[in-house]
Amino acid sequence: MSSVVLLKPRRFADPRGWFMETYSRRALAERGIDVEFVQDNHSLSRPAGTLRGLHFQTPPHAQGKLVRCTAGRIMDYALDVRQGSPTYGRFLAAELSAENGHQLWVPAGFAHAFVTLEADSEVVYKVTDYYAPDCDGGIRFEGAGIDWPLPGVDPVLSDKDRALPTLADFDSPFPYDGHPLPDRLD
């Protein structure tokens, strides 16, 4: 397993627009991400201020996620929830947009969330295990120590996300793998 990594795929531009490789197993392996993806997911969030998360799947179906924004703009988060981790409860965030093309690798053992910064934002992500409803979990956005970019507005949430436990009430099934959360994303 690796830690959270911000990827900045190179775009090749010309008068027609641009081209970029959105997935290269070799390029990921060179960054320490040697995984097999089994499913792609795609979401559309109509209003700005939509908050999805903090989500994860527990073992034995824990998922790593490679996240990118294909329309609009989001702030993407990875919160360390690995039991015994020296960085437990800390998070990293990155702005992902259709314009910048950046991607965030969120390994298993991290709760993942994003908040939309623009209306009609679309997010596409690859996962390393299939959806398993019996392993579906999450943490409520309040109390996670995140200053969500929602100035003056309440987030648009699902009923499911409103009912999640707080980080303080969460008993993590994720073991620490020896890779602390880095201080920042490069």
N, C-alpha and C. Protein backbone atom coordinates (compact mmCIF):
# COMPACT_ATOMS: atom_id res chain seq x y z
N MET A 1 0.84 -1.18 0.00
CA MET A 1 0.00 0.00 0.00
C MET A 1 0.89 1.24 0.00
N SER A 2 0.38 2.30 -0.51
CA SER A 2 1.11 3.56 -0.52
C SER A 2 0.32 4.59 0.27
N SER A 3 0.82 5.79 0.31
CA SER A 3 0.09 6.86 0.97
C SER A 3 -0.67 7.67 -0.08
N VAL A 4 -1.30 8.73 0.35
CA VAL A 4 -2.05 9.61 -0.53
C VAL A 4 -1.07 10.30 -1.47
N VAL A 5 -1.40 10.33 -2.77
CA VAL A 5 -0.52 10.90 -3.78
C VAL A 5 -1.34 11.79 -4.72
N LEU A 6 -0.82 12.99 -4.99
CA LEU A 6 -1.42 13.86 -6.00
C LEU A 6 -0.69 13.62 -7.31
N LEU A 7 -1.44 13.28 -8.34
CA LEU A 7 -0.88 13.03 -9.67
C LEU A 7 -1.25 14.19 -10.59
N LYS A 8 -0.29 14.60 -11.39
CA LYS A 8 -0.51 15.70 -12.34
C LYS A 8 -0.13 15.23 -13.74
N PRO A 9 -1.02 14.44 -14.38
CA PRO A 9 -0.72 13.93 -15.72
C PRO A 9 -0.41 15.08 -16.69
N ARG A 10 0.53 14.81 -17.58
CA ARG A 10 0.94 15.82 -18.56
C ARG A 10 -0.10 15.91 -19.67
N ARG A 11 -0.41 17.14 -20.03
CA ARG A 11 -1.31 17.38 -21.16
C ARG A 11 -0.50 17.85 -22.36
N PHE A 12 -0.85 17.32 -23.51
CA PHE A 12 -0.20 17.69 -24.76
C PHE A 12 -1.21 18.54 -25.54
N ALA A 13 -0.91 19.82 -25.66
CA ALA A 13 -1.85 20.76 -26.26
C ALA A 13 -1.42 21.16 -27.67
N ASP A 14 -2.41 21.44 -28.50
CA ASP A 14 -2.20 22.01 -29.82
C ASP A 14 -3.44 22.82 -30.16
N PRO A 15 -3.56 23.39 -31.35
CA PRO A 15 -4.72 24.23 -31.67
C PRO A 15 -6.08 23.52 -31.55
N ARG A 16 -6.09 22.18 -31.59
CA ARG A 16 -7.35 21.45 -31.48
C ARG A 16 -7.83 21.34 -30.04
N GLY A 17 -6.90 21.48 -29.08
CA GLY A 17 -7.23 21.25 -27.67
C GLY A 17 -6.07 20.56 -26.98
N TRP A 18 -6.33 19.47 -26.27
CA TRP A 18 -5.27 18.75 -25.58
C TRP A 18 -5.57 17.26 -25.53
N PHE A 19 -4.54 16.49 -25.20
CA PHE A 19 -4.61 15.04 -25.00
C PHE A 19 -3.83 14.72 -23.74
N MET A 20 -4.32 13.75 -22.94
CA MET A 20 -3.56 13.27 -21.79
C MET A 20 -3.91 11.83 -21.50
N GLU A 21 -2.96 11.12 -20.95
CA GLU A 21 -3.21 9.76 -20.46
C GLU A 21 -3.82 9.89 -19.07
N THR A 22 -5.04 9.40 -18.90
CA THR A 22 -5.68 9.49 -17.59
C THR A 22 -5.35 8.30 -16.70
N TYR A 23 -4.85 7.22 -17.30
CA TYR A 23 -4.45 6.05 -16.52
C TYR A 23 -3.31 5.35 -17.23
N SER A 24 -2.24 5.10 -16.49
CA SER A 24 -1.12 4.30 -16.97
C SER A 24 -0.63 3.46 -15.80
N ARG A 25 -0.81 2.17 -15.89
CA ARG A 25 -0.39 1.29 -14.79
C ARG A 25 1.10 1.46 -14.51
N ARG A 26 1.91 1.59 -15.54
CA ARG A 26 3.35 1.77 -15.38
C ARG A 26 3.67 3.07 -14.64
N ALA A 27 3.03 4.17 -15.04
CA ALA A 27 3.29 5.46 -14.39
C ALA A 27 2.88 5.43 -12.91
N LEU A 28 1.76 4.78 -12.61
CA LEU A 28 1.35 4.66 -11.21
C LEU A 28 2.33 3.80 -10.41
N ALA A 29 2.76 2.69 -10.99
CA ALA A 29 3.71 1.82 -10.30
C ALA A 29 5.01 2.57 -9.99
N GLU A 30 5.42 3.44 -10.90
CA GLU A 30 6.62 4.25 -10.65
C GLU A 30 6.44 5.19 -9.47
N ARG A 31 5.19 5.51 -9.13
CA ARG A 31 4.89 6.37 -7.97
C ARG A 31 4.55 5.53 -6.73
N GLY A 32 4.72 4.20 -6.81
CA GLY A 32 4.46 3.33 -5.67
C GLY A 32 3.02 2.86 -5.58
N ILE A 33 2.24 3.06 -6.62
CA ILE A 33 0.83 2.64 -6.63
C ILE A 33 0.70 1.46 -7.58
N ASP A 34 0.91 0.27 -7.05
CA ASP A 34 0.88 -0.94 -7.86
C ASP A 34 -0.37 -1.74 -7.49
N VAL A 35 -1.49 -1.36 -8.11
CA VAL A 35 -2.78 -1.94 -7.78
C VAL A 35 -3.50 -2.34 -9.06
N GLU A 36 -4.54 -3.13 -8.88
CA GLU A 36 -5.41 -3.48 -9.99
C GLU A 36 -6.76 -2.82 -9.77
N PHE A 37 -7.23 -2.08 -10.75
CA PHE A 37 -8.54 -1.46 -10.66
C PHE A 37 -9.57 -2.40 -11.25
N VAL A 38 -10.76 -2.47 -10.61
CA VAL A 38 -11.79 -3.41 -11.05
C VAL A 38 -13.08 -2.74 -11.47
N GLN A 39 -13.21 -1.43 -11.19
CA GLN A 39 -14.48 -0.77 -11.48
C GLN A 39 -14.23 0.73 -11.62
N ASP A 40 -14.97 1.37 -12.51
CA ASP A 40 -14.97 2.83 -12.63
C ASP A 40 -16.33 3.35 -12.16
N ASN A 41 -16.31 4.47 -11.42
CA ASN A 41 -17.53 5.11 -10.95
C ASN A 41 -17.56 6.55 -11.45
N HIS A 42 -18.75 7.08 -11.63
CA HIS A 42 -18.91 8.43 -12.18
C HIS A 42 -20.09 9.08 -11.47
N SER A 43 -19.88 10.28 -10.91
CA SER A 43 -20.97 10.98 -10.24
C SER A 43 -21.12 12.38 -10.82
N LEU A 44 -22.34 12.88 -10.78
CA LEU A 44 -22.67 14.25 -11.14
C LEU A 44 -23.29 14.89 -9.91
N SER A 45 -22.79 16.04 -9.52
CA SER A 45 -23.36 16.82 -8.42
C SER A 45 -23.85 18.13 -9.01
N ARG A 46 -25.15 18.32 -9.04
CA ARG A 46 -25.72 19.51 -9.67
C ARG A 46 -25.38 20.80 -8.92
N PRO A 47 -25.72 20.93 -7.61
CA PRO A 47 -25.44 22.22 -6.96
C PRO A 47 -24.00 22.33 -6.45
N ALA A 48 -23.46 23.55 -6.51
CA ALA A 48 -22.20 23.82 -5.81
C ALA A 48 -22.48 23.65 -4.32
N GLY A 49 -21.49 23.20 -3.58
CA GLY A 49 -21.68 22.97 -2.15
C GLY A 49 -22.17 21.58 -1.82
N THR A 50 -22.23 20.70 -2.82
CA THR A 50 -22.57 19.30 -2.55
C THR A 50 -21.38 18.64 -1.89
N LEU A 51 -21.61 17.96 -0.78
CA LEU A 51 -20.55 17.26 -0.06
C LEU A 51 -20.87 15.77 -0.10
N ARG A 52 -19.95 15.00 -0.65
CA ARG A 52 -20.10 13.54 -0.69
C ARG A 52 -18.98 12.95 0.15
N GLY A 53 -19.34 12.25 1.21
CA GLY A 53 -18.33 11.64 2.06
C GLY A 53 -18.57 11.97 3.51
N LEU A 54 -17.72 11.50 4.30
CA LEU A 54 -16.44 10.82 4.12
C LEU A 54 -16.69 9.31 4.02
N HIS A 55 -16.36 8.69 2.91
CA HIS A 55 -16.72 7.30 2.62
C HIS A 55 -15.51 6.38 2.55
N PHE A 56 -15.79 5.10 2.78
CA PHE A 56 -14.80 4.04 2.61
C PHE A 56 -15.54 2.71 2.56
N GLN A 57 -14.82 1.66 2.18
CA GLN A 57 -15.29 0.28 2.34
C GLN A 57 -14.32 -0.40 3.28
N THR A 58 -14.86 -1.18 4.20
CA THR A 58 -14.04 -1.87 5.19
C THR A 58 -13.53 -3.20 4.65
N PRO A 59 -12.46 -3.73 5.26
CA PRO A 59 -11.99 -5.06 4.89
C PRO A 59 -13.11 -6.08 5.10
N PRO A 60 -13.21 -7.11 4.30
CA PRO A 60 -12.22 -7.56 3.32
C PRO A 60 -12.40 -6.93 1.93
N HIS A 61 -13.24 -5.92 1.82
CA HIS A 61 -13.46 -5.28 0.51
C HIS A 61 -13.06 -3.80 0.51
N ALA A 62 -12.01 -3.48 1.26
CA ALA A 62 -11.52 -2.11 1.30
C ALA A 62 -11.11 -1.68 -0.11
N GLN A 63 -11.33 -0.40 -0.40
CA GLN A 63 -11.04 0.13 -1.74
C GLN A 63 -10.00 1.24 -1.69
N GLY A 64 -9.09 1.19 -2.65
CA GLY A 64 -8.29 2.35 -3.00
C GLY A 64 -9.01 3.04 -4.14
N LYS A 65 -8.86 4.39 -4.23
CA LYS A 65 -9.57 5.15 -5.26
C LYS A 65 -8.61 6.08 -5.98
N LEU A 66 -8.71 6.13 -7.29
CA LEU A 66 -7.99 7.11 -8.11
C LEU A 66 -9.05 8.07 -8.64
N VAL A 67 -9.04 9.31 -8.11
CA VAL A 67 -10.14 10.26 -8.31
C VAL A 67 -9.72 11.39 -9.24
N ARG A 68 -10.63 11.78 -10.14
CA ARG A 68 -10.41 12.95 -10.99
C ARG A 68 -11.74 13.64 -11.25
N CYS A 69 -11.67 14.91 -11.55
CA CYS A 69 -12.85 15.71 -11.85
C CYS A 69 -12.87 15.98 -13.35
N THR A 70 -13.94 15.58 -14.02
CA THR A 70 -14.01 15.72 -15.47
C THR A 70 -14.85 16.90 -15.94
N ALA A 71 -15.61 17.50 -15.01
CA ALA A 71 -16.38 18.72 -15.31
C ALA A 71 -16.51 19.50 -14.02
N GLY A 72 -16.30 20.79 -14.09
CA GLY A 72 -16.42 21.61 -12.89
C GLY A 72 -15.15 21.60 -12.05
N ARG A 73 -15.35 21.70 -10.71
CA ARG A 73 -14.22 21.84 -9.80
C ARG A 73 -14.64 21.34 -8.43
N ILE A 74 -13.75 20.57 -7.77
CA ILE A 74 -14.02 20.05 -6.43
C ILE A 74 -12.80 20.25 -5.54
N MET A 75 -13.04 20.21 -4.24
CA MET A 75 -11.96 20.05 -3.27
C MET A 75 -12.08 18.62 -2.78
N ASP A 76 -11.01 17.85 -2.95
CA ASP A 76 -11.01 16.41 -2.67
C ASP A 76 -10.20 16.15 -1.40
N TYR A 77 -10.66 15.22 -0.56
CA TYR A 77 -10.06 14.98 0.76
C TYR A 77 -9.79 13.50 0.98
N ALA A 78 -8.68 13.24 1.69
CA ALA A 78 -8.35 11.90 2.18
C ALA A 78 -8.02 12.03 3.66
N LEU A 79 -8.79 11.36 4.51
CA LEU A 79 -8.66 11.41 5.97
C LEU A 79 -8.11 10.08 6.46
N ASP A 80 -6.99 10.11 7.17
CA ASP A 80 -6.35 8.90 7.68
C ASP A 80 -7.20 8.30 8.81
N VAL A 81 -7.70 7.08 8.60
CA VAL A 81 -8.47 6.38 9.63
C VAL A 81 -7.87 5.01 9.94
N ARG A 82 -6.56 4.89 9.77
CA ARG A 82 -5.88 3.62 10.05
C ARG A 82 -5.50 3.54 11.53
N GLN A 83 -6.00 2.52 12.20
CA GLN A 83 -5.76 2.33 13.62
C GLN A 83 -4.26 2.24 13.91
N GLY A 84 -3.78 3.04 14.84
CA GLY A 84 -2.37 3.03 15.21
C GLY A 84 -1.50 3.92 14.36
N SER A 85 -2.07 4.58 13.36
CA SER A 85 -1.28 5.47 12.50
C SER A 85 -0.88 6.72 13.28
N PRO A 86 0.38 7.16 13.15
CA PRO A 86 0.77 8.41 13.81
C PRO A 86 0.07 9.63 13.21
N THR A 87 -0.56 9.45 12.05
CA THR A 87 -1.27 10.56 11.41
C THR A 87 -2.79 10.33 11.41
N TYR A 88 -3.28 9.46 12.31
CA TYR A 88 -4.71 9.18 12.41
C TYR A 88 -5.47 10.49 12.64
N GLY A 89 -6.55 10.67 11.87
CA GLY A 89 -7.38 11.86 12.01
C GLY A 89 -6.88 13.07 11.23
N ARG A 90 -5.71 12.96 10.61
CA ARG A 90 -5.22 14.06 9.76
C ARG A 90 -5.69 13.82 8.34
N PHE A 91 -5.70 14.88 7.55
CA PHE A 91 -6.17 14.76 6.18
C PHE A 91 -5.27 15.57 5.25
N LEU A 92 -5.37 15.24 3.98
CA LEU A 92 -4.80 16.04 2.91
C LEU A 92 -5.91 16.37 1.94
N ALA A 93 -5.79 17.51 1.27
CA ALA A 93 -6.81 17.94 0.32
C ALA A 93 -6.14 18.51 -0.92
N ALA A 94 -6.82 18.38 -2.04
CA ALA A 94 -6.33 18.94 -3.30
C ALA A 94 -7.52 19.39 -4.13
N GLU A 95 -7.33 20.50 -4.84
CA GLU A 95 -8.37 20.93 -5.78
C GLU A 95 -8.18 20.14 -7.07
N LEU A 96 -9.24 19.48 -7.47
CA LEU A 96 -9.27 18.75 -8.73
C LEU A 96 -10.28 19.44 -9.62
N SER A 97 -9.93 19.62 -10.88
CA SER A 97 -10.85 20.28 -11.81
C SER A 97 -10.69 19.73 -13.21
N ALA A 98 -11.68 19.99 -14.03
CA ALA A 98 -11.57 19.63 -15.45
C ALA A 98 -10.42 20.41 -16.06
N GLU A 99 -10.20 21.62 -15.59
CA GLU A 99 -9.15 22.46 -16.14
C GLU A 99 -7.74 21.97 -15.78
N ASN A 100 -7.51 21.61 -14.51
CA ASN A 100 -6.13 21.23 -14.13
C ASN A 100 -5.81 19.76 -14.40
N GLY A 101 -6.80 18.88 -14.51
CA GLY A 101 -6.56 17.48 -14.84
C GLY A 101 -5.89 16.67 -13.74
N HIS A 102 -5.72 17.22 -12.55
CA HIS A 102 -5.06 16.49 -11.47
C HIS A 102 -5.91 15.33 -10.99
N GLN A 103 -5.23 14.35 -10.38
CA GLN A 103 -5.89 13.18 -9.83
C GLN A 103 -5.37 12.95 -8.42
N LEU A 104 -6.21 12.36 -7.56
CA LEU A 104 -5.79 12.05 -6.20
C LEU A 104 -5.92 10.56 -5.98
N TRP A 105 -4.82 9.94 -5.54
CA TRP A 105 -4.83 8.53 -5.14
C TRP A 105 -5.15 8.49 -3.65
N VAL A 106 -6.25 7.80 -3.31
CA VAL A 106 -6.70 7.64 -1.94
C VAL A 106 -6.66 6.14 -1.63
N PRO A 107 -5.63 5.68 -0.91
CA PRO A 107 -5.54 4.24 -0.64
C PRO A 107 -6.56 3.76 0.38
N ALA A 108 -6.74 2.45 0.47
CA ALA A 108 -7.58 1.86 1.51
C ALA A 108 -7.03 2.31 2.86
N GLY A 109 -7.94 2.53 3.80
CA GLY A 109 -7.55 3.01 5.12
C GLY A 109 -7.70 4.51 5.27
N PHE A 110 -8.19 5.15 4.22
CA PHE A 110 -8.46 6.58 4.25
C PHE A 110 -9.93 6.80 3.91
N ALA A 111 -10.59 7.67 4.65
CA ALA A 111 -11.95 8.06 4.30
C ALA A 111 -11.84 9.13 3.21
N HIS A 112 -12.69 9.04 2.23
CA HIS A 112 -12.64 9.95 1.08
C HIS A 112 -13.89 10.81 1.02
N ALA A 113 -13.69 12.08 0.69
CA ALA A 113 -14.82 13.00 0.51
C ALA A 113 -14.45 14.06 -0.51
N PHE A 114 -15.47 14.67 -1.08
CA PHE A 114 -15.24 15.87 -1.88
C PHE A 114 -16.42 16.81 -1.73
N VAL A 115 -16.13 18.08 -1.92
CA VAL A 115 -17.16 19.11 -1.93
C VAL A 115 -17.04 19.83 -3.27
N THR A 116 -18.19 20.06 -3.91
CA THR A 116 -18.17 20.72 -5.21
C THR A 116 -18.01 22.22 -5.04
N LEU A 117 -17.13 22.79 -5.82
CA LEU A 117 -16.87 24.22 -5.80
C LEU A 117 -17.60 24.94 -6.92
N GLU A 118 -18.15 24.17 -7.85
CA GLU A 118 -18.94 24.71 -8.97
C GLU A 118 -20.14 23.80 -9.19
N ALA A 119 -21.19 24.35 -9.75
CA ALA A 119 -22.36 23.56 -10.13
C ALA A 119 -21.99 22.59 -11.24
N ASP A 120 -22.74 21.51 -11.33
CA ASP A 120 -22.60 20.50 -12.39
C ASP A 120 -21.18 19.93 -12.46
N SER A 121 -20.65 19.60 -11.31
CA SER A 121 -19.32 18.98 -11.26
C SER A 121 -19.45 17.46 -11.39
N GLU A 122 -18.58 16.90 -12.22
CA GLU A 122 -18.58 15.45 -12.42
C GLU A 122 -17.26 14.89 -11.92
N VAL A 123 -17.35 13.75 -11.22
CA VAL A 123 -16.18 13.08 -10.66
C VAL A 123 -16.17 11.64 -11.16
N VAL A 124 -15.02 11.21 -11.63
CA VAL A 124 -14.81 9.84 -12.11
C VAL A 124 -13.70 9.25 -11.26
N TYR A 125 -13.92 8.02 -10.78
CA TYR A 125 -12.86 7.39 -10.01
C TYR A 125 -12.82 5.89 -10.23
N LYS A 126 -11.60 5.39 -10.27
CA LYS A 126 -11.33 3.97 -10.37
C LYS A 126 -11.21 3.42 -8.96
N VAL A 127 -11.67 2.18 -8.74
CA VAL A 127 -11.56 1.55 -7.42
C VAL A 127 -10.90 0.18 -7.54
N THR A 128 -10.30 -0.25 -6.43
CA THR A 128 -9.54 -1.50 -6.41
C THR A 128 -10.34 -2.70 -5.93
N ASP A 129 -11.60 -2.51 -5.54
CA ASP A 129 -12.47 -3.62 -5.17
C ASP A 129 -13.89 -3.25 -5.56
N TYR A 130 -14.72 -4.26 -5.76
CA TYR A 130 -16.09 -4.03 -6.15
C TYR A 130 -16.90 -3.48 -4.98
N TYR A 131 -17.99 -2.80 -5.29
CA TYR A 131 -18.88 -2.30 -4.25
C TYR A 131 -19.44 -3.46 -3.46
N ALA A 132 -19.33 -3.38 -2.14
CA ALA A 132 -19.85 -4.41 -1.24
C ALA A 132 -20.70 -3.71 -0.18
N PRO A 133 -22.03 -3.74 -0.32
CA PRO A 133 -22.89 -3.01 0.61
C PRO A 133 -22.65 -3.33 2.08
N ASP A 134 -22.30 -4.57 2.39
CA ASP A 134 -22.07 -4.95 3.79
C ASP A 134 -20.77 -4.37 4.35
N CYS A 135 -19.91 -3.82 3.49
CA CYS A 135 -18.65 -3.21 3.92
C CYS A 135 -18.66 -1.69 3.75
N ASP A 136 -19.78 -1.15 3.33
CA ASP A 136 -19.91 0.29 3.09
C ASP A 136 -19.89 1.03 4.41
N GLY A 137 -19.09 2.09 4.51
CA GLY A 137 -19.01 2.85 5.75
C GLY A 137 -18.63 4.29 5.51
N GLY A 138 -18.61 5.04 6.59
CA GLY A 138 -18.23 6.44 6.47
C GLY A 138 -18.19 7.13 7.81
N ILE A 139 -17.79 8.39 7.76
CA ILE A 139 -17.68 9.26 8.93
C ILE A 139 -18.39 10.56 8.59
N ARG A 140 -19.15 11.08 9.56
CA ARG A 140 -19.87 12.34 9.35
C ARG A 140 -18.88 13.48 9.16
N PHE A 141 -19.24 14.41 8.30
CA PHE A 141 -18.33 15.49 7.93
C PHE A 141 -18.01 16.41 9.10
N GLU A 142 -18.97 16.61 10.02
CA GLU A 142 -18.69 17.45 11.18
C GLU A 142 -17.77 16.67 12.13
N GLY A 143 -16.86 17.37 12.75
CA GLY A 143 -15.98 16.74 13.73
C GLY A 143 -14.79 16.04 13.13
N ALA A 144 -14.59 16.18 11.82
CA ALA A 144 -13.44 15.54 11.18
C ALA A 144 -12.23 16.47 11.13
N GLY A 145 -12.38 17.68 11.66
CA GLY A 145 -11.26 18.62 11.67
C GLY A 145 -11.01 19.30 10.34
N ILE A 146 -11.97 19.24 9.44
CA ILE A 146 -11.82 19.82 8.11
C ILE A 146 -12.60 21.12 8.05
N ASP A 147 -11.95 22.16 7.56
CA ASP A 147 -12.60 23.44 7.33
C ASP A 147 -13.12 23.41 5.89
N TRP A 148 -14.32 22.90 5.72
CA TRP A 148 -14.90 22.71 4.40
C TRP A 148 -15.11 24.07 3.72
N PRO A 149 -14.83 24.18 2.43
CA PRO A 149 -15.00 25.45 1.73
C PRO A 149 -16.46 25.73 1.39
N LEU A 150 -17.23 26.02 2.43
CA LEU A 150 -18.67 26.26 2.29
C LEU A 150 -19.03 27.58 2.97
N PRO A 151 -18.43 28.68 2.57
CA PRO A 151 -18.67 29.92 3.29
C PRO A 151 -20.13 30.35 3.26
N GLY A 152 -20.73 30.34 4.45
CA GLY A 152 -22.08 30.85 4.58
C GLY A 152 -23.20 29.96 4.08
N VAL A 153 -22.90 28.74 3.65
CA VAL A 153 -23.96 27.85 3.17
C VAL A 153 -23.83 26.49 3.83
N ASP A 154 -24.95 25.82 4.02
CA ASP A 154 -24.93 24.45 4.52
C ASP A 154 -24.65 23.53 3.34
N PRO A 155 -23.92 22.44 3.57
CA PRO A 155 -23.65 21.52 2.47
C PRO A 155 -24.90 20.78 2.03
N VAL A 156 -24.92 20.41 0.77
CA VAL A 156 -25.97 19.55 0.24
C VAL A 156 -25.49 18.12 0.50
N LEU A 157 -26.22 17.39 1.36
CA LEU A 157 -25.82 16.05 1.80
C LEU A 157 -26.92 15.03 1.51
N SER A 158 -26.52 13.77 1.42
CA SER A 158 -27.50 12.69 1.37
C SER A 158 -27.95 12.38 2.80
N ASP A 159 -29.12 11.77 2.93
CA ASP A 159 -29.59 11.34 4.25
C ASP A 159 -28.62 10.35 4.87
N LYS A 160 -28.06 9.50 4.03
CA LYS A 160 -27.08 8.51 4.49
C LYS A 160 -25.87 9.21 5.12
N ASP A 161 -25.35 10.25 4.47
CA ASP A 161 -24.17 10.95 5.00
C ASP A 161 -24.49 11.70 6.28
N ARG A 162 -25.71 12.19 6.44
CA ARG A 162 -26.10 12.87 7.67
C ARG A 162 -26.12 11.92 8.87
N ALA A 163 -26.34 10.63 8.61
CA ALA A 163 -26.48 9.65 9.69
C ALA A 163 -25.17 8.93 10.05
N LEU A 164 -24.07 9.27 9.41
CA LEU A 164 -22.81 8.59 9.68
C LEU A 164 -22.30 8.91 11.08
N PRO A 165 -21.47 8.01 11.67
CA PRO A 165 -20.90 8.30 12.99
C PRO A 165 -19.81 9.37 12.89
N THR A 166 -19.52 10.00 14.01
CA THR A 166 -18.43 10.98 14.05
C THR A 166 -17.09 10.24 14.11
N LEU A 167 -16.02 10.95 13.81
CA LEU A 167 -14.68 10.37 13.91
C LEU A 167 -14.42 9.90 15.33
N ALA A 168 -14.85 10.66 16.33
CA ALA A 168 -14.64 10.29 17.73
C ALA A 168 -15.35 8.99 18.10
N ASP A 169 -16.45 8.67 17.42
CA ASP A 169 -17.22 7.45 17.70
C ASP A 169 -16.85 6.29 16.78
N PHE A 170 -15.89 6.49 15.91
CA PHE A 170 -15.53 5.49 14.91
C PHE A 170 -14.49 4.52 15.46
N ASP A 171 -14.74 3.21 15.34
CA ASP A 171 -13.79 2.17 15.73
C ASP A 171 -13.21 1.60 14.43
N SER A 172 -12.00 2.00 14.09
CA SER A 172 -11.42 1.68 12.79
C SER A 172 -11.04 0.21 12.64
N PRO A 173 -11.46 -0.41 11.52
CA PRO A 173 -11.02 -1.77 11.21
C PRO A 173 -9.77 -1.79 10.33
N PHE A 174 -9.23 -0.60 10.02
CA PHE A 174 -8.10 -0.50 9.10
C PHE A 174 -6.78 -0.54 9.88
N PRO A 175 -5.88 -1.45 9.54
CA PRO A 175 -4.58 -1.47 10.22
C PRO A 175 -3.63 -0.42 9.62
N TYR A 176 -2.72 0.03 10.44
CA TYR A 176 -1.68 0.94 9.97
C TYR A 176 -0.64 0.11 9.22
N ASP A 177 -0.22 0.58 8.04
CA ASP A 177 0.69 -0.18 7.18
C ASP A 177 2.12 0.34 7.17
N GLY A 178 2.44 1.29 8.05
CA GLY A 178 3.81 1.80 8.11
C GLY A 178 4.07 2.99 7.23
N HIS A 179 3.08 3.47 6.51
CA HIS A 179 3.21 4.64 5.64
C HIS A 179 2.40 5.80 6.22
N PRO A 180 3.04 6.70 6.96
CA PRO A 180 2.27 7.83 7.50
C PRO A 180 1.81 8.76 6.38
N LEU A 181 0.80 9.52 6.68
CA LEU A 181 0.31 10.53 5.74
C LEU A 181 1.43 11.56 5.56
N PRO A 182 1.76 11.91 4.33
CA PRO A 182 2.80 12.94 4.14
C PRO A 182 2.33 14.28 4.67
N ASP A 183 3.27 15.18 4.91
CA ASP A 183 2.93 16.52 5.41
C ASP A 183 2.16 17.33 4.38
N ARG A 184 2.41 17.07 3.11
CA ARG A 184 1.74 17.83 2.06
C ARG A 184 1.77 17.01 0.78
N LEU A 185 0.96 17.42 -0.17
CA LEU A 185 0.94 16.81 -1.49
C LEU A 185 1.89 17.58 -2.41
N ASP A 186 2.64 16.87 -3.20
CA ASP A 186 3.55 17.51 -4.15
C ASP A 186 2.91 17.70 -5.50
